[in-house]
Amino acid sequence: MMVAVLAAWRIIRPILAFGVTLPVWFFLAAGAWLYFDKTSAIRHAVDKATTEIVAGAQLDALQAEVAEERRLRAWVEGFAAESSRIAEAERAARTDLEQQLTLSDADRKAKQDELDAIAQRSRDGIGRVGPQQLDSLRNR
């Protein structure tokens, strides 16, 4: 039996001692220790500290995200207010322009009617100077 154990050891030892910087047996021992050592106080303290660190980091990340969303919301609300103010100013300018164009059209139409009335009087003979009146204007 001892011969079989030594023969197995001669086969297993080079495999366990193989490694670039650390032997494979070191990794196997560390893995076994982590697997079997789940009830120690050190393990619970490390797990608790890790959980607190992760929770604190998550909380800080969420707070930073909320602050950034608030800043973004304030910027968007300011941009929306500015856009609304510009749109209102454009609406007011468009209304003023429409009123001016309406008045211009009304003035143009009134002047055209006045010119038409003058042309009509000329055609009717009103406003023409007769020969007698022309002679009186020349002092004859």
N, C-alpha and C. Protein backbone atom coordinates (compact mmCIF):
# COMPACT_ATOMS: atom_id res chain seq x y z
N MET A 1 0.82 -1.18 0.00
CA MET A 1 0.00 0.00 0.00
C MET A 1 0.87 1.26 0.00
N MET A 2 1.90 1.23 0.79
CA MET A 2 2.81 2.35 0.85
C MET A 2 3.47 2.60 -0.51
N VAL A 3 3.73 1.56 -1.23
CA VAL A 3 4.33 1.68 -2.55
C VAL A 3 3.36 2.36 -3.50
N ALA A 4 2.09 2.03 -3.39
CA ALA A 4 1.08 2.65 -4.26
C ALA A 4 0.93 4.14 -3.95
N VAL A 5 1.00 4.51 -2.66
CA VAL A 5 0.89 5.92 -2.27
C VAL A 5 2.11 6.69 -2.79
N LEU A 6 3.29 6.12 -2.66
CA LEU A 6 4.50 6.79 -3.17
C LEU A 6 4.46 6.92 -4.69
N ALA A 7 3.95 5.92 -5.36
CA ALA A 7 3.85 5.99 -6.82
C ALA A 7 2.85 7.07 -7.22
N ALA A 8 1.74 7.13 -6.51
CA ALA A 8 0.74 8.18 -6.80
C ALA A 8 1.32 9.56 -6.49
N TRP A 9 2.09 9.64 -5.40
CA TRP A 9 2.71 10.93 -5.02
C TRP A 9 3.70 11.38 -6.07
N ARG A 10 4.46 10.46 -6.64
CA ARG A 10 5.42 10.81 -7.68
C ARG A 10 4.70 11.32 -8.94
N ILE A 11 3.50 10.86 -9.19
CA ILE A 11 2.73 11.32 -10.36
C ILE A 11 2.02 12.64 -10.04
N ILE A 12 1.47 12.78 -8.84
CA ILE A 12 0.67 13.96 -8.49
C ILE A 12 1.56 15.16 -8.14
N ARG A 13 2.75 14.93 -7.51
CA ARG A 13 3.61 16.03 -7.05
C ARG A 13 4.03 16.97 -8.17
N PRO A 14 4.48 16.51 -9.33
CA PRO A 14 4.85 17.46 -10.39
C PRO A 14 3.65 18.27 -10.90
N ILE A 15 2.47 17.66 -10.89
CA ILE A 15 1.28 18.39 -11.33
C ILE A 15 0.94 19.49 -10.34
N LEU A 16 1.01 19.18 -9.03
CA LEU A 16 0.68 20.17 -8.01
C LEU A 16 1.73 21.27 -7.90
N ALA A 17 2.96 20.99 -8.20
CA ALA A 17 4.04 21.97 -8.07
C ALA A 17 4.22 22.80 -9.33
N PHE A 18 3.48 22.51 -10.38
CA PHE A 18 3.63 23.26 -11.62
C PHE A 18 3.00 24.64 -11.46
N GLY A 19 3.66 25.65 -11.92
CA GLY A 19 3.10 26.99 -11.88
C GLY A 19 4.09 27.98 -12.45
N VAL A 20 3.60 29.08 -12.91
CA VAL A 20 4.47 30.11 -13.46
C VAL A 20 5.07 30.91 -12.31
N THR A 21 4.25 31.45 -11.44
CA THR A 21 4.77 32.20 -10.30
C THR A 21 4.37 31.58 -8.98
N LEU A 22 3.21 30.96 -8.92
CA LEU A 22 2.75 30.29 -7.70
C LEU A 22 2.39 28.86 -8.04
N PRO A 23 2.64 27.95 -7.16
CA PRO A 23 2.28 26.57 -7.45
C PRO A 23 0.77 26.36 -7.45
N VAL A 24 0.33 25.36 -8.16
CA VAL A 24 -1.09 25.05 -8.29
C VAL A 24 -1.66 24.68 -6.93
N TRP A 25 -0.87 24.01 -6.06
CA TRP A 25 -1.39 23.62 -4.75
C TRP A 25 -1.80 24.82 -3.92
N PHE A 26 -1.14 25.99 -4.15
CA PHE A 26 -1.52 27.20 -3.42
C PHE A 26 -2.95 27.62 -3.78
N PHE A 27 -3.26 27.58 -5.05
CA PHE A 27 -4.60 27.94 -5.50
C PHE A 27 -5.64 26.94 -5.02
N LEU A 28 -5.27 25.66 -5.02
CA LEU A 28 -6.20 24.65 -4.53
C LEU A 28 -6.46 24.82 -3.04
N ALA A 29 -5.42 25.12 -2.28
CA ALA A 29 -5.58 25.32 -0.83
C ALA A 29 -6.44 26.56 -0.55
N ALA A 30 -6.18 27.64 -1.27
CA ALA A 30 -6.97 28.87 -1.07
C ALA A 30 -8.44 28.62 -1.43
N GLY A 31 -8.69 27.91 -2.48
CA GLY A 31 -10.06 27.59 -2.87
C GLY A 31 -10.75 26.72 -1.84
N ALA A 32 -10.04 25.73 -1.32
CA ALA A 32 -10.62 24.87 -0.29
C ALA A 32 -10.91 25.66 0.98
N TRP A 33 -10.00 26.56 1.33
CA TRP A 33 -10.21 27.37 2.53
C TRP A 33 -11.44 28.26 2.37
N LEU A 34 -11.60 28.89 1.22
CA LEU A 34 -12.78 29.73 0.97
C LEU A 34 -14.05 28.90 0.96
N TYR A 35 -13.96 27.70 0.45
CA TYR A 35 -15.15 26.85 0.36
C TYR A 35 -15.59 26.36 1.74
N PHE A 36 -14.66 25.91 2.55
CA PHE A 36 -15.00 25.32 3.84
C PHE A 36 -15.11 26.33 4.98
N ASP A 37 -14.58 27.53 4.81
CA ASP A 37 -14.56 28.51 5.90
C ASP A 37 -15.67 29.54 5.70
N LYS A 38 -16.91 29.13 5.91
CA LYS A 38 -18.03 30.05 5.72
C LYS A 38 -18.62 30.50 7.05
N THR A 39 -18.19 29.97 8.14
CA THR A 39 -18.79 30.30 9.43
C THR A 39 -17.88 31.13 10.33
N SER A 40 -16.71 31.47 9.89
CA SER A 40 -15.80 32.19 10.78
C SER A 40 -16.24 33.64 10.96
N ALA A 41 -15.85 34.23 12.07
CA ALA A 41 -16.21 35.62 12.37
C ALA A 41 -15.51 36.56 11.41
N ILE A 42 -14.30 36.24 11.03
CA ILE A 42 -13.57 37.09 10.08
C ILE A 42 -14.30 37.13 8.74
N ARG A 43 -14.76 35.96 8.32
CA ARG A 43 -15.48 35.89 7.04
C ARG A 43 -16.76 36.73 7.10
N HIS A 44 -17.49 36.64 8.22
CA HIS A 44 -18.72 37.44 8.36
C HIS A 44 -18.39 38.93 8.41
N ALA A 45 -17.32 39.30 9.08
CA ALA A 45 -16.94 40.72 9.16
C ALA A 45 -16.55 41.25 7.78
N VAL A 46 -15.81 40.45 7.04
CA VAL A 46 -15.42 40.86 5.68
C VAL A 46 -16.64 40.98 4.79
N ASP A 47 -17.55 40.02 4.88
CA ASP A 47 -18.78 40.07 4.07
C ASP A 47 -19.61 41.30 4.42
N LYS A 48 -19.72 41.59 5.72
CA LYS A 48 -20.50 42.74 6.16
C LYS A 48 -19.86 44.04 5.68
N ALA A 49 -18.54 44.15 5.81
CA ALA A 49 -17.85 45.36 5.36
C ALA A 49 -17.98 45.52 3.85
N THR A 50 -17.86 44.43 3.13
CA THR A 50 -18.01 44.48 1.67
C THR A 50 -19.42 44.92 1.29
N THR A 51 -20.41 44.38 1.99
CA THR A 51 -21.80 44.77 1.71
C THR A 51 -22.02 46.24 2.00
N GLU A 52 -21.47 46.74 3.10
CA GLU A 52 -21.62 48.16 3.45
C GLU A 52 -20.92 49.05 2.43
N ILE A 53 -19.75 48.65 2.00
CA ILE A 53 -19.02 49.44 1.02
C ILE A 53 -19.79 49.50 -0.30
N VAL A 54 -20.28 48.34 -0.72
CA VAL A 54 -21.03 48.29 -1.98
C VAL A 54 -22.32 49.10 -1.87
N ALA A 55 -23.02 48.96 -0.74
CA ALA A 55 -24.27 49.72 -0.54
C ALA A 55 -23.99 51.22 -0.50
N GLY A 56 -22.90 51.61 0.17
CA GLY A 56 -22.54 53.03 0.22
C GLY A 56 -22.20 53.57 -1.16
N ALA A 57 -21.48 52.78 -1.95
CA ALA A 57 -21.14 53.21 -3.31
C ALA A 57 -22.39 53.32 -4.16
N GLN A 58 -23.30 52.36 -4.01
CA GLN A 58 -24.55 52.42 -4.77
C GLN A 58 -25.37 53.64 -4.36
N LEU A 59 -25.41 53.92 -3.07
CA LEU A 59 -26.15 55.09 -2.58
C LEU A 59 -25.54 56.38 -3.12
N ASP A 60 -24.21 56.48 -3.10
CA ASP A 60 -23.55 57.66 -3.64
C ASP A 60 -23.82 57.80 -5.13
N ALA A 61 -23.80 56.69 -5.85
CA ALA A 61 -24.08 56.73 -7.29
C ALA A 61 -25.51 57.18 -7.55
N LEU A 62 -26.45 56.69 -6.77
CA LEU A 62 -27.86 57.10 -6.95
C LEU A 62 -28.05 58.57 -6.61
N GLN A 63 -27.39 59.04 -5.56
CA GLN A 63 -27.48 60.46 -5.20
C GLN A 63 -26.89 61.33 -6.30
N ALA A 64 -25.77 60.92 -6.85
CA ALA A 64 -25.17 61.68 -7.96
C ALA A 64 -26.09 61.68 -9.17
N GLU A 65 -26.73 60.55 -9.42
CA GLU A 65 -27.66 60.46 -10.56
C GLU A 65 -28.87 61.37 -10.34
N VAL A 66 -29.40 61.40 -9.13
CA VAL A 66 -30.54 62.28 -8.82
C VAL A 66 -30.14 63.74 -8.97
N ALA A 67 -28.95 64.09 -8.48
CA ALA A 67 -28.48 65.48 -8.60
C ALA A 67 -28.32 65.86 -10.07
N GLU A 68 -27.79 64.97 -10.88
CA GLU A 68 -27.62 65.26 -12.31
C GLU A 68 -28.97 65.38 -13.00
N GLU A 69 -29.92 64.53 -12.63
CA GLU A 69 -31.26 64.62 -13.23
C GLU A 69 -31.95 65.92 -12.83
N ARG A 70 -31.75 66.37 -11.59
CA ARG A 70 -32.31 67.66 -11.17
C ARG A 70 -31.70 68.80 -11.96
N ARG A 71 -30.37 68.75 -12.14
CA ARG A 71 -29.70 69.80 -12.91
C ARG A 71 -30.19 69.80 -14.35
N LEU A 72 -30.34 68.61 -14.91
CA LEU A 72 -30.83 68.50 -16.28
C LEU A 72 -32.26 69.00 -16.39
N ARG A 73 -33.10 68.67 -15.39
CA ARG A 73 -34.49 69.13 -15.41
C ARG A 73 -34.57 70.65 -15.32
N ALA A 74 -33.73 71.25 -14.47
CA ALA A 74 -33.72 72.72 -14.35
C ALA A 74 -33.32 73.34 -15.68
N TRP A 75 -32.31 72.75 -16.34
CA TRP A 75 -31.88 73.30 -17.63
C TRP A 75 -32.99 73.16 -18.67
N VAL A 76 -33.67 72.01 -18.69
CA VAL A 76 -34.75 71.79 -19.66
C VAL A 76 -35.90 72.75 -19.40
N GLU A 77 -36.25 72.96 -18.12
CA GLU A 77 -37.33 73.89 -17.81
C GLU A 77 -36.96 75.31 -18.20
N GLY A 78 -35.71 75.70 -17.99
CA GLY A 78 -35.26 77.02 -18.42
C GLY A 78 -35.31 77.16 -19.93
N PHE A 79 -34.88 76.10 -20.63
CA PHE A 79 -34.91 76.11 -22.08
C PHE A 79 -36.35 76.19 -22.59
N ALA A 80 -37.26 75.45 -21.94
CA ALA A 80 -38.66 75.48 -22.33
C ALA A 80 -39.27 76.86 -22.09
N ALA A 81 -38.93 77.50 -20.97
CA ALA A 81 -39.44 78.84 -20.69
C ALA A 81 -38.92 79.83 -21.72
N GLU A 82 -37.64 79.72 -22.07
CA GLU A 82 -37.06 80.62 -23.08
C GLU A 82 -37.72 80.40 -24.44
N SER A 83 -37.94 79.13 -24.80
CA SER A 83 -38.60 78.83 -26.07
C SER A 83 -40.03 79.36 -26.07
N SER A 84 -40.73 79.23 -24.96
CA SER A 84 -42.09 79.74 -24.87
C SER A 84 -42.11 81.26 -24.99
N ARG A 85 -41.13 81.93 -24.35
CA ARG A 85 -41.06 83.39 -24.45
C ARG A 85 -40.80 83.82 -25.90
N ILE A 86 -39.89 83.12 -26.57
CA ILE A 86 -39.59 83.45 -27.96
C ILE A 86 -40.81 83.21 -28.85
N ALA A 87 -41.52 82.09 -28.62
CA ALA A 87 -42.71 81.79 -29.41
C ALA A 87 -43.79 82.85 -29.19
N GLU A 88 -43.95 83.29 -27.95
CA GLU A 88 -44.95 84.34 -27.66
C GLU A 88 -44.57 85.65 -28.35
N ALA A 89 -43.29 85.98 -28.33
CA ALA A 89 -42.83 87.21 -29.01
C ALA A 89 -43.07 87.10 -30.52
N GLU A 90 -42.82 85.93 -31.09
CA GLU A 90 -43.06 85.74 -32.53
C GLU A 90 -44.55 85.83 -32.84
N ARG A 91 -45.40 85.26 -31.97
CA ARG A 91 -46.85 85.37 -32.19
C ARG A 91 -47.30 86.82 -32.15
N ALA A 92 -46.79 87.59 -31.19
CA ALA A 92 -47.15 89.00 -31.07
C ALA A 92 -46.68 89.77 -32.30
N ALA A 93 -45.47 89.50 -32.77
CA ALA A 93 -44.96 90.19 -33.96
C ALA A 93 -45.79 89.83 -35.19
N ARG A 94 -46.18 88.56 -35.30
CA ARG A 94 -47.01 88.15 -36.44
C ARG A 94 -48.37 88.83 -36.40
N THR A 95 -48.96 88.95 -35.20
CA THR A 95 -50.25 89.63 -35.06
C THR A 95 -50.13 91.10 -35.44
N ASP A 96 -49.05 91.76 -34.98
CA ASP A 96 -48.82 93.16 -35.34
C ASP A 96 -48.66 93.32 -36.84
N LEU A 97 -47.91 92.43 -37.46
CA LEU A 97 -47.69 92.50 -38.90
C LEU A 97 -49.00 92.30 -39.65
N GLU A 98 -49.83 91.35 -39.21
CA GLU A 98 -51.13 91.15 -39.86
C GLU A 98 -52.00 92.39 -39.74
N GLN A 99 -51.98 93.05 -38.56
CA GLN A 99 -52.76 94.27 -38.39
C GLN A 99 -52.24 95.37 -39.31
N GLN A 100 -50.92 95.50 -39.41
CA GLN A 100 -50.35 96.53 -40.29
C GLN A 100 -50.70 96.24 -41.75
N LEU A 101 -50.63 94.97 -42.14
CA LEU A 101 -50.99 94.64 -43.52
C LEU A 101 -52.46 94.89 -43.78
N THR A 102 -53.30 94.61 -42.80
CA THR A 102 -54.73 94.88 -42.95
C THR A 102 -54.97 96.37 -43.10
N LEU A 103 -54.31 97.17 -42.25
CA LEU A 103 -54.44 98.63 -42.36
C LEU A 103 -53.87 99.12 -43.69
N SER A 104 -52.76 98.55 -44.12
CA SER A 104 -52.17 98.97 -45.40
C SER A 104 -53.13 98.65 -46.54
N ASP A 105 -53.74 97.48 -46.49
CA ASP A 105 -54.71 97.12 -47.52
C ASP A 105 -55.90 98.06 -47.48
N ALA A 106 -56.35 98.39 -46.28
CA ALA A 106 -57.49 99.31 -46.16
C ALA A 106 -57.10 100.70 -46.67
N ASP A 107 -55.91 101.18 -46.32
CA ASP A 107 -55.45 102.50 -46.81
C ASP A 107 -55.31 102.47 -48.33
N ARG A 108 -54.74 101.43 -48.86
CA ARG A 108 -54.56 101.32 -50.31
C ARG A 108 -55.92 101.32 -51.00
N LYS A 109 -56.87 100.58 -50.42
CA LYS A 109 -58.19 100.53 -51.02
C LYS A 109 -58.88 101.90 -50.94
N ALA A 110 -58.72 102.60 -49.82
CA ALA A 110 -59.32 103.94 -49.68
C ALA A 110 -58.71 104.90 -50.70
N LYS A 111 -57.41 104.86 -50.87
CA LYS A 111 -56.75 105.75 -51.84
C LYS A 111 -57.16 105.40 -53.26
N GLN A 112 -57.28 104.11 -53.54
CA GLN A 112 -57.73 103.70 -54.88
C GLN A 112 -59.16 104.17 -55.13
N ASP A 113 -60.03 104.08 -54.10
CA ASP A 113 -61.40 104.57 -54.25
C ASP A 113 -61.41 106.07 -54.49
N GLU A 114 -60.54 106.80 -53.80
CA GLU A 114 -60.45 108.25 -53.99
C GLU A 114 -59.99 108.59 -55.40
N LEU A 115 -59.00 107.84 -55.91
CA LEU A 115 -58.54 108.07 -57.28
C LEU A 115 -59.63 107.73 -58.29
N ASP A 116 -60.35 106.66 -58.03
CA ASP A 116 -61.47 106.30 -58.91
C ASP A 116 -62.54 107.38 -58.91
N ALA A 117 -62.81 107.96 -57.75
CA ALA A 117 -63.82 109.03 -57.66
C ALA A 117 -63.36 110.25 -58.44
N ILE A 118 -62.08 110.60 -58.35
CA ILE A 118 -61.55 111.75 -59.10
C ILE A 118 -61.63 111.48 -60.59
N ALA A 119 -61.27 110.26 -61.00
CA ALA A 119 -61.34 109.91 -62.42
C ALA A 119 -62.79 109.95 -62.91
N GLN A 120 -63.71 109.52 -62.09
CA GLN A 120 -65.12 109.54 -62.47
C GLN A 120 -65.60 110.98 -62.63
N ARG A 121 -65.20 111.87 -61.74
CA ARG A 121 -65.61 113.28 -61.87
C ARG A 121 -65.04 113.89 -63.14
N SER A 122 -63.82 113.49 -63.52
CA SER A 122 -63.21 114.02 -64.75
C SER A 122 -64.01 113.54 -65.96
N ARG A 123 -64.46 112.32 -65.90
CA ARG A 123 -65.23 111.79 -67.02
C ARG A 123 -66.61 112.44 -67.09
N ASP A 124 -67.16 112.83 -65.94
CA ASP A 124 -68.49 113.42 -65.92
C ASP A 124 -68.44 114.92 -66.26
N GLY A 125 -67.29 115.46 -66.33
CA GLY A 125 -67.18 116.87 -66.67
C GLY A 125 -67.03 117.74 -65.45
N ILE A 126 -67.10 117.21 -64.34
CA ILE A 126 -66.91 117.97 -63.12
C ILE A 126 -65.42 118.17 -62.95
N GLY A 127 -65.05 119.40 -62.67
CA GLY A 127 -63.65 119.68 -62.47
C GLY A 127 -62.98 120.19 -63.73
N ARG A 128 -63.74 120.24 -64.85
CA ARG A 128 -63.16 120.80 -66.07
C ARG A 128 -63.41 122.31 -66.11
N VAL A 129 -62.47 122.96 -66.67
CA VAL A 129 -62.58 124.43 -66.77
C VAL A 129 -63.11 124.76 -68.18
N GLY A 130 -64.18 125.52 -68.20
CA GLY A 130 -64.75 125.90 -69.48
C GLY A 130 -63.99 127.09 -70.09
N PRO A 131 -64.29 127.45 -71.35
CA PRO A 131 -63.57 128.56 -72.00
C PRO A 131 -63.77 129.88 -71.27
N GLN A 132 -64.96 130.12 -70.73
CA GLN A 132 -65.20 131.36 -70.01
C GLN A 132 -64.35 131.43 -68.76
N GLN A 133 -64.32 130.37 -68.05
CA GLN A 133 -63.54 130.32 -66.81
C GLN A 133 -62.05 130.43 -67.13
N LEU A 134 -61.66 129.83 -68.24
CA LEU A 134 -60.26 129.89 -68.61
C LEU A 134 -59.87 131.32 -68.97
N ASP A 135 -60.77 132.00 -69.68
CA ASP A 135 -60.47 133.39 -70.01
C ASP A 135 -60.43 134.26 -68.76
N SER A 136 -61.28 133.97 -67.79
CA SER A 136 -61.28 134.78 -66.58
C SER A 136 -60.00 134.51 -65.77
N LEU A 137 -59.50 133.36 -65.92
CA LEU A 137 -58.25 133.05 -65.19
C LEU A 137 -57.07 133.78 -65.84
N ARG A 138 -57.18 134.05 -67.14
CA ARG A 138 -56.09 134.72 -67.85
C ARG A 138 -56.27 136.25 -67.84
N ASN A 139 -57.28 136.71 -67.18
CA ASN A 139 -57.61 138.13 -67.11
C ASN A 139 -57.94 138.71 -68.48
N ARG A 140 -58.81 138.12 -69.19
CA ARG A 140 -59.20 138.65 -70.49
C ARG A 140 -60.55 139.26 -70.41
